[in-house]
Amino acid sequence: MSDDSETTIRRGSPNLFSDLGYSDPDTHLLKAQLVNRMVGIIRDRKLTQAGVAQLTGLSQPDVSRLLKGQFREMSVERIMKVLTRLGCEIDIVVRSKGDASPAPAIHYHPAPV
């Protein structure tokens, strides 16, 4: 069987959310990267969704939605708080664009709940 139609393959950008037309794709990519780290921690610690909820203060359904990639309504700061409640430390490095020299990190540590 032959198909006369041509298939065009186009290389995407480094940000899938931009390619898909999401509003604010850079923030969405950052959230996805943070949630991906969270998934790794949950797997490493063999936590259940209920266990994650108990440690982080989220509801189990919120944990489920987050792990399914439904985090559009959750802020970057809230995801970072979840990570710190899972025992992570978060450092933010700010430097001029193109500057490869080491910059001092800002240590993120939200106030305890």
N, C-alpha and C. Protein backbone atom coordinates (compact mmCIF):
# COMPACT_ATOMS: atom_id res chain seq x y z
N MET A 1 0.84 -1.16 0.00
CA MET A 1 0.00 0.00 0.00
C MET A 1 0.89 1.23 0.00
N SER A 2 0.61 2.18 -0.87
CA SER A 2 1.42 3.39 -0.92
C SER A 2 0.59 4.60 -0.55
N ASP A 3 1.27 5.55 0.02
CA ASP A 3 0.62 6.78 0.44
C ASP A 3 1.27 7.91 -0.32
N ASP A 4 0.48 8.65 -1.09
CA ASP A 4 1.03 9.73 -1.91
C ASP A 4 1.25 11.03 -1.14
N SER A 5 0.73 11.10 0.08
CA SER A 5 0.91 12.34 0.85
C SER A 5 2.33 12.41 1.39
N GLU A 6 2.82 13.62 1.53
CA GLU A 6 4.16 13.82 2.06
C GLU A 6 4.06 14.16 3.54
N THR A 7 5.00 13.64 4.28
CA THR A 7 5.07 13.94 5.70
C THR A 7 6.20 14.93 5.92
N THR A 8 5.87 16.00 6.63
CA THR A 8 6.88 16.99 6.94
C THR A 8 7.20 16.91 8.43
N ILE A 9 8.45 16.81 8.71
CA ILE A 9 8.90 16.77 10.10
C ILE A 9 9.63 18.07 10.38
N ARG A 10 9.22 18.71 11.45
CA ARG A 10 9.82 19.98 11.82
C ARG A 10 10.41 19.85 13.22
N ARG A 11 11.64 20.27 13.39
CA ARG A 11 12.28 20.23 14.71
C ARG A 11 11.66 21.31 15.58
N GLY A 12 11.33 20.91 16.80
CA GLY A 12 10.72 21.85 17.74
C GLY A 12 11.77 22.68 18.44
N SER A 13 11.28 23.65 19.18
CA SER A 13 12.18 24.49 19.97
C SER A 13 12.51 23.77 21.27
N PRO A 14 13.41 24.31 22.08
CA PRO A 14 13.70 23.68 23.37
C PRO A 14 12.52 23.73 24.35
N ASN A 15 11.50 24.55 24.04
CA ASN A 15 10.35 24.68 24.93
C ASN A 15 9.09 24.17 24.24
N LEU A 16 8.70 22.96 24.60
CA LEU A 16 7.51 22.33 24.03
C LEU A 16 6.26 23.18 24.24
N PHE A 17 6.18 23.86 25.39
CA PHE A 17 4.99 24.65 25.69
C PHE A 17 4.87 25.85 24.75
N SER A 18 5.99 26.38 24.30
CA SER A 18 5.99 27.44 23.30
C SER A 18 5.50 26.89 21.96
N ASP A 19 6.00 25.72 21.60
CA ASP A 19 5.60 25.09 20.34
C ASP A 19 4.10 24.79 20.31
N LEU A 20 3.54 24.47 21.48
CA LEU A 20 2.11 24.14 21.56
C LEU A 20 1.23 25.38 21.71
N GLY A 21 1.84 26.55 21.81
CA GLY A 21 1.08 27.79 21.86
C GLY A 21 0.55 28.16 23.24
N TYR A 22 1.14 27.61 24.30
CA TYR A 22 0.71 27.96 25.66
C TYR A 22 1.03 29.42 25.93
N SER A 23 0.15 30.07 26.71
CA SER A 23 0.50 31.42 27.15
C SER A 23 1.54 31.28 28.25
N ASP A 24 2.50 32.16 28.29
CA ASP A 24 3.61 32.14 29.25
C ASP A 24 4.33 30.79 29.27
N PRO A 25 4.85 30.37 28.13
CA PRO A 25 5.49 29.05 28.03
C PRO A 25 6.73 28.89 28.91
N ASP A 26 7.46 29.98 29.17
CA ASP A 26 8.67 29.87 29.99
C ASP A 26 8.32 29.49 31.43
N THR A 27 7.28 30.10 31.96
CA THR A 27 6.84 29.76 33.31
C THR A 27 6.32 28.33 33.35
N HIS A 28 5.60 27.93 32.32
CA HIS A 28 5.08 26.56 32.29
C HIS A 28 6.21 25.54 32.24
N LEU A 29 7.25 25.85 31.48
CA LEU A 29 8.41 24.95 31.41
C LEU A 29 9.10 24.87 32.77
N LEU A 30 9.25 26.00 33.45
CA LEU A 30 9.85 25.99 34.78
C LEU A 30 9.04 25.13 35.74
N LYS A 31 7.72 25.28 35.71
CA LYS A 31 6.86 24.45 36.56
C LYS A 31 7.04 22.97 36.24
N ALA A 32 7.08 22.64 34.97
CA ALA A 32 7.25 21.24 34.56
C ALA A 32 8.58 20.69 35.06
N GLN A 33 9.63 21.49 34.99
CA GLN A 33 10.94 21.04 35.48
C GLN A 33 10.91 20.82 37.00
N LEU A 34 10.25 21.71 37.73
CA LEU A 34 10.15 21.56 39.18
C LEU A 34 9.32 20.33 39.55
N VAL A 35 8.21 20.13 38.85
CA VAL A 35 7.37 18.96 39.13
C VAL A 35 8.13 17.69 38.77
N ASN A 36 8.92 17.72 37.72
CA ASN A 36 9.73 16.55 37.36
C ASN A 36 10.69 16.19 38.49
N ARG A 37 11.30 17.19 39.12
CA ARG A 37 12.17 16.92 40.27
C ARG A 37 11.36 16.30 41.41
N MET A 38 10.15 16.83 41.60
CA MET A 38 9.27 16.32 42.64
C MET A 38 8.93 14.85 42.40
N VAL A 39 8.64 14.50 41.17
CA VAL A 39 8.34 13.11 40.82
C VAL A 39 9.52 12.21 41.16
N GLY A 40 10.73 12.64 40.86
CA GLY A 40 11.92 11.85 41.18
C GLY A 40 12.08 11.63 42.67
N ILE A 41 11.82 12.66 43.44
CA ILE A 41 11.92 12.55 44.91
C ILE A 41 10.87 11.58 45.43
N ILE A 42 9.66 11.68 44.92
CA ILE A 42 8.58 10.80 45.36
C ILE A 42 8.92 9.35 45.04
N ARG A 43 9.45 9.12 43.86
CA ARG A 43 9.85 7.75 43.47
C ARG A 43 10.98 7.25 44.35
N ASP A 44 12.01 8.08 44.55
CA ASP A 44 13.16 7.67 45.35
C ASP A 44 12.75 7.32 46.78
N ARG A 45 11.82 8.08 47.32
CA ARG A 45 11.39 7.86 48.70
C ARG A 45 10.22 6.89 48.81
N LYS A 46 9.75 6.42 47.63
CA LYS A 46 8.65 5.46 47.57
C LYS A 46 7.41 5.96 48.33
N LEU A 47 7.08 7.22 48.10
CA LEU A 47 5.94 7.84 48.77
C LEU A 47 4.66 7.59 47.98
N THR A 48 3.57 7.47 48.69
CA THR A 48 2.25 7.41 48.05
C THR A 48 1.75 8.84 47.90
N GLN A 49 0.70 9.00 47.10
CA GLN A 49 0.11 10.33 46.96
C GLN A 49 -0.42 10.82 48.30
N ALA A 50 -0.98 9.92 49.09
CA ALA A 50 -1.49 10.30 50.41
C ALA A 50 -0.33 10.73 51.31
N GLY A 51 0.80 10.05 51.21
CA GLY A 51 1.98 10.42 51.98
C GLY A 51 2.51 11.78 51.58
N VAL A 52 2.53 12.04 50.28
CA VAL A 52 2.97 13.34 49.78
C VAL A 52 2.03 14.43 50.29
N ALA A 53 0.74 14.16 50.25
CA ALA A 53 -0.25 15.13 50.72
C ALA A 53 -0.01 15.46 52.19
N GLN A 54 0.24 14.45 52.98
CA GLN A 54 0.45 14.65 54.42
C GLN A 54 1.71 15.48 54.68
N LEU A 55 2.77 15.23 53.93
CA LEU A 55 4.03 15.95 54.12
C LEU A 55 3.96 17.40 53.63
N THR A 56 3.17 17.64 52.59
CA THR A 56 3.21 18.94 51.93
C THR A 56 2.04 19.85 52.25
N GLY A 57 0.98 19.30 52.81
CA GLY A 57 -0.19 20.12 53.08
C GLY A 57 -1.15 20.24 51.91
N LEU A 58 -0.83 19.59 50.81
CA LEU A 58 -1.76 19.53 49.68
C LEU A 58 -2.79 18.44 49.94
N SER A 59 -3.89 18.50 49.22
CA SER A 59 -4.84 17.39 49.29
C SER A 59 -4.35 16.28 48.36
N GLN A 60 -4.77 15.06 48.59
CA GLN A 60 -4.37 13.96 47.71
C GLN A 60 -4.82 14.21 46.27
N PRO A 61 -6.06 14.71 46.03
CA PRO A 61 -6.44 15.01 44.64
C PRO A 61 -5.54 16.08 44.00
N ASP A 62 -5.09 17.07 44.80
CA ASP A 62 -4.17 18.07 44.25
C ASP A 62 -2.83 17.44 43.89
N VAL A 63 -2.35 16.53 44.73
CA VAL A 63 -1.10 15.81 44.42
C VAL A 63 -1.28 15.02 43.13
N SER A 64 -2.40 14.33 42.99
CA SER A 64 -2.67 13.54 41.79
C SER A 64 -2.66 14.42 40.54
N ARG A 65 -3.35 15.56 40.61
CA ARG A 65 -3.39 16.46 39.45
C ARG A 65 -2.00 16.98 39.12
N LEU A 66 -1.24 17.34 40.13
CA LEU A 66 0.11 17.85 39.94
C LEU A 66 0.98 16.81 39.23
N LEU A 67 0.91 15.57 39.69
CA LEU A 67 1.73 14.51 39.11
C LEU A 67 1.29 14.12 37.70
N LYS A 68 0.05 14.47 37.34
CA LYS A 68 -0.43 14.23 35.98
C LYS A 68 -0.12 15.39 35.04
N GLY A 69 0.59 16.40 35.56
CA GLY A 69 0.96 17.54 34.73
C GLY A 69 -0.08 18.63 34.68
N GLN A 70 -1.05 18.58 35.55
CA GLN A 70 -2.09 19.60 35.59
C GLN A 70 -1.73 20.63 36.65
N PHE A 71 -0.76 21.48 36.32
CA PHE A 71 -0.25 22.43 37.30
C PHE A 71 -0.36 23.87 36.82
N ARG A 72 -1.17 24.10 35.82
CA ARG A 72 -1.30 25.45 35.27
C ARG A 72 -1.74 26.46 36.33
N GLU A 73 -2.64 26.04 37.22
CA GLU A 73 -3.18 26.95 38.24
C GLU A 73 -2.28 27.09 39.47
N MET A 74 -1.23 26.29 39.57
CA MET A 74 -0.35 26.33 40.73
C MET A 74 0.85 27.22 40.42
N SER A 75 1.19 28.11 41.33
CA SER A 75 2.30 29.03 41.11
C SER A 75 3.65 28.33 41.27
N VAL A 76 4.66 28.93 40.69
CA VAL A 76 6.03 28.43 40.84
C VAL A 76 6.40 28.42 42.33
N GLU A 77 6.03 29.49 43.04
CA GLU A 77 6.36 29.55 44.47
C GLU A 77 5.71 28.41 45.24
N ARG A 78 4.48 28.09 44.93
CA ARG A 78 3.80 27.00 45.65
C ARG A 78 4.47 25.66 45.36
N ILE A 79 4.87 25.44 44.13
CA ILE A 79 5.57 24.19 43.79
C ILE A 79 6.90 24.13 44.53
N MET A 80 7.59 25.27 44.64
CA MET A 80 8.85 25.29 45.38
C MET A 80 8.61 25.01 46.86
N LYS A 81 7.51 25.51 47.42
CA LYS A 81 7.18 25.20 48.82
C LYS A 81 6.95 23.70 49.00
N VAL A 82 6.28 23.08 48.04
CA VAL A 82 6.05 21.63 48.09
C VAL A 82 7.40 20.91 48.11
N LEU A 83 8.32 21.33 47.27
CA LEU A 83 9.64 20.71 47.22
C LEU A 83 10.38 20.87 48.55
N THR A 84 10.29 22.05 49.16
CA THR A 84 10.98 22.23 50.44
C THR A 84 10.34 21.37 51.52
N ARG A 85 9.04 21.18 51.46
CA ARG A 85 8.37 20.32 52.43
C ARG A 85 8.70 18.85 52.22
N LEU A 86 9.19 18.54 51.03
CA LEU A 86 9.66 17.17 50.75
C LEU A 86 11.14 17.03 51.11
N GLY A 87 11.71 18.06 51.70
CA GLY A 87 13.09 17.98 52.17
C GLY A 87 14.13 18.54 51.22
N CYS A 88 13.72 19.26 50.21
CA CYS A 88 14.67 19.82 49.24
C CYS A 88 15.11 21.21 49.67
N GLU A 89 16.28 21.58 49.21
CA GLU A 89 16.76 22.95 49.33
C GLU A 89 16.76 23.54 47.93
N ILE A 90 16.37 24.80 47.82
CA ILE A 90 16.28 25.44 46.52
C ILE A 90 17.17 26.67 46.52
N ASP A 91 18.07 26.74 45.57
CA ASP A 91 18.93 27.90 45.38
C ASP A 91 18.60 28.55 44.05
N ILE A 92 18.53 29.86 44.06
CA ILE A 92 18.25 30.62 42.84
C ILE A 92 19.50 31.42 42.51
N VAL A 93 19.94 31.32 41.26
CA VAL A 93 21.13 32.05 40.83
C VAL A 93 20.70 33.09 39.79
N VAL A 94 21.06 34.34 40.05
CA VAL A 94 20.72 35.43 39.13
C VAL A 94 22.01 36.05 38.64
N ARG A 95 22.18 36.10 37.33
CA ARG A 95 23.37 36.73 36.75
C ARG A 95 22.98 37.33 35.41
N SER A 96 23.83 38.20 34.91
CA SER A 96 23.57 38.83 33.62
C SER A 96 23.59 37.80 32.51
N LYS A 97 22.77 38.01 31.51
CA LYS A 97 22.71 37.10 30.37
C LYS A 97 24.09 36.99 29.72
N GLY A 98 24.53 35.77 29.48
CA GLY A 98 25.82 35.53 28.85
C GLY A 98 26.98 35.51 29.82
N ASP A 99 26.75 35.84 31.07
CA ASP A 99 27.81 35.85 32.09
C ASP A 99 27.93 34.45 32.67
N ALA A 100 29.05 33.79 32.41
CA ALA A 100 29.25 32.42 32.89
C ALA A 100 29.95 32.37 34.24
N SER A 101 30.33 33.53 34.77
CA SER A 101 31.05 33.53 36.05
C SER A 101 30.10 33.13 37.18
N PRO A 102 30.65 32.48 38.21
CA PRO A 102 29.82 32.05 39.33
C PRO A 102 29.15 33.25 40.00
N ALA A 103 27.91 33.05 40.38
CA ALA A 103 27.17 34.11 41.08
C ALA A 103 26.69 33.54 42.40
N PRO A 104 26.58 34.37 43.43
CA PRO A 104 26.09 33.86 44.70
C PRO A 104 24.63 33.44 44.58
N ALA A 105 24.32 32.33 45.21
CA ALA A 105 22.96 31.79 45.15
C ALA A 105 22.08 32.42 46.22
N ILE A 106 20.82 32.56 45.90
CA ILE A 106 19.82 32.99 46.87
C ILE A 106 19.17 31.71 47.36
N HIS A 107 19.23 31.47 48.66
CA HIS A 107 18.67 30.23 49.22
C HIS A 107 17.20 30.44 49.52
N TYR A 108 16.33 29.63 48.90
CA TYR A 108 14.89 29.73 49.10
C TYR A 108 14.46 28.86 50.26
N HIS A 109 13.88 29.45 51.27
CA HIS A 109 13.38 28.68 52.40
C HIS A 109 12.14 29.38 52.94
N PRO A 110 10.96 28.90 52.55
CA PRO A 110 9.73 29.52 53.03
C PRO A 110 9.55 29.31 54.53
N ALA A 111 8.80 30.19 55.13
CA ALA A 111 8.52 30.08 56.55
C ALA A 111 7.72 28.81 56.80
N PRO A 112 7.97 28.11 57.92
CA PRO A 112 7.22 26.90 58.22
C PRO A 112 5.73 27.20 58.36
N VAL A 113 4.94 26.19 58.03
CA VAL A 113 3.49 26.35 58.11
C VAL A 113 3.02 26.16 59.53
